[in-house]
Amino acid sequence: MHELIKQLTERMQKLNHLSPILPDEELYIQFECETETAVVAVSKYSIEQKEAADERQVLTVRGSKEALEALLNGRLKLQQQIRLHEVNISGSFRHMLLLESLLHLSKPYRHVC
């Protein structure tokens, strides 16, 4: 999962069209599965992987490793996985919508042959 988070942060860093929706203060997005926890801090000024989250601005996404991989790879949307009870979210609704937008706008391109 850490490799997928690294790829996500690298994609997001390159996409200039994300900056209008990024928050001024850092938002920590914590992804948790059975065996791993990974944290990404996003703001207008930086997008980077962190070791731990600041408790003030945290959105936590919990699910199985397979569910989080499908989410980070862009195969399933966050709302779909919530409805299917594949992932649980703790944090504000506003931050959840922001994460949904960031994942959608930065999902990897699929080449069609």
C-alpha atoms as a PDB file:
ATOM      1  CA  MET A   1       0.000   0.000   0.000  1.00  0.00           C
ATOM      2  CA  HIS A   2       2.881   2.386   0.688  1.00  0.00           C
ATOM      3  CA  GLU A   3       3.943   2.118  -2.956  1.00  0.00           C
ATOM      4  CA  LEU A   4       0.414   3.035  -4.114  1.00  0.00           C
ATOM      5  CA  ILE A   5       0.376   6.029  -1.754  1.00  0.00           C
ATOM      6  CA  LYS A   6       3.764   7.098  -3.110  1.00  0.00           C
ATOM      7  CA  GLN A   7       2.460   6.871  -6.685  1.00  0.00           C
ATOM      8  CA  LEU A   8      -0.663   8.835  -5.734  1.00  0.00           C
ATOM      9  CA  THR A   9       1.335  11.639  -4.120  1.00  0.00           C
ATOM     10  CA  GLU A  10       3.666  11.835  -7.124  1.00  0.00           C
ATOM     11  CA  ARG A  11       0.704  12.099  -9.516  1.00  0.00           C
ATOM     12  CA  MET A  12      -0.987  14.738  -7.365  1.00  0.00           C
ATOM     13  CA  GLN A  13       2.207  16.819  -7.147  1.00  0.00           C
ATOM     14  CA  LYS A  14       2.356  17.034 -10.943  1.00  0.00           C
ATOM     15  CA  LEU A  15      -1.279  18.038 -11.478  1.00  0.00           C
ATOM     16  CA  ASN A  16      -1.650  21.807 -11.378  1.00  0.00           C
ATOM     17  CA  HIS A  17      -5.423  21.662 -11.825  1.00  0.00           C
ATOM     18  CA  LEU A  18      -5.765  20.295  -8.258  1.00  0.00           C
ATOM     19  CA  SER A  19      -4.480  23.456  -6.560  1.00  0.00           C
ATOM     20  CA  PRO A  20      -7.817  25.377  -6.544  1.00  0.00           C
ATOM     21  CA  ILE A  21      -9.500  22.686  -4.419  1.00  0.00           C
ATOM     22  CA  LEU A  22      -6.639  22.014  -2.013  1.00  0.00           C
ATOM     23  CA  PRO A  23      -7.025  23.405   1.518  1.00  0.00           C
ATOM     24  CA  ASP A  24      -4.829  26.167   2.942  1.00  0.00           C
ATOM     25  CA  GLU A  25      -4.150  24.153   6.111  1.00  0.00           C
ATOM     26  CA  GLU A  26      -2.712  20.661   5.854  1.00  0.00           C
ATOM     27  CA  LEU A  27      -5.273  17.876   5.785  1.00  0.00           C
ATOM     28  CA  TYR A  28      -3.953  14.487   6.847  1.00  0.00           C
ATOM     29  CA  ILE A  29      -5.516  11.555   5.038  1.00  0.00           C
ATOM     30  CA  GLN A  30      -4.807   8.299   6.822  1.00  0.00           C
ATOM     31  CA  PHE A  31      -5.329   4.986   5.018  1.00  0.00           C
ATOM     32  CA  GLU A  32      -5.589   1.947   7.315  1.00  0.00           C
ATOM     33  CA  CYS A  33      -5.807  -1.731   6.468  1.00  0.00           C
ATOM     34  CA  GLU A  34      -5.205  -4.852   8.526  1.00  0.00           C
ATOM     35  CA  THR A  35      -1.417  -4.674   8.331  1.00  0.00           C
ATOM     36  CA  GLU A  36      -0.469  -1.134   7.295  1.00  0.00           C
ATOM     37  CA  THR A  37      -1.171   2.522   7.911  1.00  0.00           C
ATOM     38  CA  ALA A  38      -0.138   5.262   5.491  1.00  0.00           C
ATOM     39  CA  VAL A  39      -0.616   9.014   5.796  1.00  0.00           C
ATOM     40  CA  VAL A  40      -0.715  11.702   3.121  1.00  0.00           C
ATOM     41  CA  ALA A  41      -0.694  15.410   3.987  1.00  0.00           C
ATOM     42  CA  VAL A  42      -2.292  17.670   1.372  1.00  0.00           C
ATOM     43  CA  SER A  43      -2.432  21.450   1.197  1.00  0.00           C
ATOM     44  CA  LYS A  44      -1.991  24.210  -1.368  1.00  0.00           C
ATOM     45  CA  TYR A  45       1.705  24.284  -0.484  1.00  0.00           C
ATOM     46  CA  SER A  46       2.656  20.611  -0.413  1.00  0.00           C
ATOM     47  CA  ILE A  47       1.471  17.084  -1.003  1.00  0.00           C
ATOM     48  CA  GLU A  48       3.599  14.505   0.746  1.00  0.00           C
ATOM     49  CA  GLN A  49       3.621  11.205   2.519  1.00  0.00           C
ATOM     50  CA  LYS A  50       4.028  11.483   6.303  1.00  0.00           C
ATOM     51  CA  GLU A  51       4.885   9.123   9.131  1.00  0.00           C
ATOM     52  CA  ALA A  52       2.044  10.213  11.420  1.00  0.00           C
ATOM     53  CA  ALA A  53      -1.056  12.367  11.243  1.00  0.00           C
ATOM     54  CA  ASP A  54      -1.743  15.581  13.120  1.00  0.00           C
ATOM     55  CA  GLU A  55      -4.909  14.899  15.123  1.00  0.00           C
ATOM     56  CA  ARG A  56      -6.559  18.239  14.312  1.00  0.00           C
ATOM     57  CA  GLN A  57      -7.206  17.724  10.595  1.00  0.00           C
ATOM     58  CA  VAL A  58      -7.528  14.003   9.940  1.00  0.00           C
ATOM     59  CA  LEU A  59      -9.643  11.992   7.559  1.00  0.00           C
ATOM     60  CA  THR A  60      -9.269   8.255   8.137  1.00  0.00           C
ATOM     61  CA  VAL A  61     -10.133   5.633   5.521  1.00  0.00           C
ATOM     62  CA  ARG A  62     -10.272   2.067   6.887  1.00  0.00           C
ATOM     63  CA  GLY A  63     -10.734  -1.048   4.818  1.00  0.00           C
ATOM     64  CA  SER A  64      -9.176  -4.225   3.566  1.00  0.00           C
ATOM     65  CA  LYS A  65      -5.943  -4.035   1.630  1.00  0.00           C
ATOM     66  CA  GLU A  66      -7.772  -5.053  -1.557  1.00  0.00           C
ATOM     67  CA  ALA A  67     -10.428  -2.354  -1.093  1.00  0.00           C
ATOM     68  CA  LEU A  68      -7.820   0.364  -0.525  1.00  0.00           C
ATOM     69  CA  GLU A  69      -5.827  -0.805  -3.554  1.00  0.00           C
ATOM     70  CA  ALA A  70      -8.975  -0.616  -5.719  1.00  0.00           C
ATOM     71  CA  LEU A  71      -9.618   2.887  -4.374  1.00  0.00           C
ATOM     72  CA  LEU A  72      -6.065   4.149  -4.933  1.00  0.00           C
ATOM     73  CA  ASN A  73      -5.845   2.563  -8.407  1.00  0.00           C
ATOM     74  CA  GLY A  74      -9.085   4.246  -9.461  1.00  0.00           C
ATOM     75  CA  ARG A  75     -10.987   1.021 -10.098  1.00  0.00           C
ATOM     76  CA  LEU A  76     -13.748   1.888  -7.601  1.00  0.00           C
ATOM     77  CA  LYS A  77     -14.933   5.258  -6.347  1.00  0.00           C
ATOM     78  CA  LEU A  78     -14.944   6.124  -2.668  1.00  0.00           C
ATOM     79  CA  GLN A  79     -18.748   6.441  -2.545  1.00  0.00           C
ATOM     80  CA  GLN A  80     -19.156   3.029  -4.197  1.00  0.00           C
ATOM     81  CA  GLN A  81     -16.942   1.413  -1.593  1.00  0.00           C
ATOM     82  CA  ILE A  82     -18.772   3.138   1.258  1.00  0.00           C
ATOM     83  CA  ARG A  83     -22.116   1.867  -0.076  1.00  0.00           C
ATOM     84  CA  LEU A  84     -20.686  -1.644  -0.420  1.00  0.00           C
ATOM     85  CA  HIS A  85     -19.327  -1.404   3.165  1.00  0.00           C
ATOM     86  CA  GLU A  86     -15.813  -2.042   1.836  1.00  0.00           C
ATOM     87  CA  VAL A  87     -14.373   1.036   3.568  1.00  0.00           C
ATOM     88  CA  ASN A  88     -15.274   3.167   6.579  1.00  0.00           C
ATOM     89  CA  ILE A  89     -14.574   6.886   6.803  1.00  0.00           C
ATOM     90  CA  SER A  90     -14.059   8.925   9.936  1.00  0.00           C
ATOM     91  CA  GLY A  91     -13.746  12.657   9.570  1.00  0.00           C
ATOM     92  CA  SER A  92     -15.822  15.493   8.220  1.00  0.00           C
ATOM     93  CA  PHE A  93     -18.138  15.088   5.246  1.00  0.00           C
ATOM     94  CA  ARG A  94     -16.432  18.034   3.583  1.00  0.00           C
ATOM     95  CA  HIS A  95     -13.027  16.334   3.799  1.00  0.00           C
ATOM     96  CA  MET A  96     -14.531  13.106   2.459  1.00  0.00           C
ATOM     97  CA  LEU A  97     -15.844  14.984  -0.590  1.00  0.00           C
ATOM     98  CA  LEU A  98     -12.433  16.582  -1.059  1.00  0.00           C
ATOM     99  CA  LEU A  99     -10.765  13.160  -0.989  1.00  0.00           C
ATOM    100  CA  GLU A 100     -13.305  11.810  -3.498  1.00  0.00           C
ATOM    101  CA  SER A 101     -12.496  14.717  -5.829  1.00  0.00           C
ATOM    102  CA  LEU A 102      -8.731  14.352  -5.429  1.00  0.00           C
ATOM    103  CA  LEU A 103      -8.847  10.622  -6.132  1.00  0.00           C
ATOM    104  CA  HIS A 104     -11.037  11.122  -9.183  1.00  0.00           C
ATOM    105  CA  LEU A 105      -8.975  13.971 -10.626  1.00  0.00           C
ATOM    106  CA  SER A 106      -5.669  12.194 -10.075  1.00  0.00           C
ATOM    107  CA  LYS A 107      -6.503   8.630 -11.002  1.00  0.00           C
ATOM    108  CA  PRO A 108      -4.057   6.934 -13.351  1.00  0.00           C
ATOM    109  CA  TYR A 109      -4.804   6.900 -17.051  1.00  0.00           C
ATOM    110  CA  ARG A 110      -5.639   3.589 -18.609  1.00  0.00           C
ATOM    111  CA  HIS A 111      -4.269   2.972 -22.071  1.00  0.00           C
ATOM    112  CA  VAL A 112      -6.722   1.371 -24.444  1.00  0.00           C
ATOM    113  CA  CYS A 113      -5.314  -0.669 -27.299  1.00  0.00           C
END
